[in-house]
Amino acid sequence: MDRDDFLRGVRDVSPLLLGILPFGLVAGIAAANAGLDLSQALGMSVLVFAGASQLAALDLIGRDAPLTVVFVTAVVINLRMLMYSASIAPHFRRFAGRVKAGLAYLLTDQAYALSIASYRSEESVDRVAYYLGAAATLWVVWQIATVAGVLLGTGVPDAWGLEFAVPLVFLALLVPAMEDGPTTVAGVVGGTVAVVGAGLPLNLGLLVGASVGIAAGLASERVLDVEVSRGH
């Protein structure tokens, strides 16, 4: 593994850590608010390692939602990883299955975006070294931030009302992601359905909102594609 390419991955991801740290802190605080102790919160963070899915799952756990609903909601929110995996897989084709499984575990939005950009701009880059430099750094910082969040969350009085931190983080993630028509439709429709469905049995509102939002975004994208093709 090329050491310089590994360090380049670490260097390229470093500016993004400023956004990862508070996100991880909120995930840790949410875990504490959901009743998880430090070992449980860290275990979940290591096992799941997916910020948005982790926060959604913790919110549902805190509301005593059935485990099936928690699991399916986390999977639906993380469906985009299927597209990331399919896109980056050709770059790791020559490696053994166990290596690819380890690389897949570390896949995140940031590691994917940085790695694909690097692969496209520099053909000679050591793909695994660069990817691990970015992805493993994110993993380590996320776990540290989560632990710090749990310790902070257990020491903060309830009167501070930190439960509002989770929806605020989701809003901070959502607004920049609404960058075109389909993503805006997905965000608005999904959010509206989730709010309207907050009273659904088994805490299904979040899962229904996420599913409907994805479907609305895909339908909107298809309509726009048809209109563009007709325009030509």
Foldseek 3Di string as FASTA:
>chain_A
DDQVLLQVLLVVQVVVLVVLLVLLLLLLLLQVLLPHALVRSLVCCLVLVARVLSLQLSVLSSVVFDPVLSVLLSCLVPVVLVVLCVVCVVVCVVDDPVVSVVLSSLDDPVLSVVLVVVCVVDVPRPSVSSSCSNSVSSSVSSSVSSSNSNVVNVPDDVVVVSVVVSVVVVVVVQVVQCPDDLSVQLVVQLVVQLVVCCPPPSRNSNVVSSVVSVVSSVVRVVVVVVVVVVVD
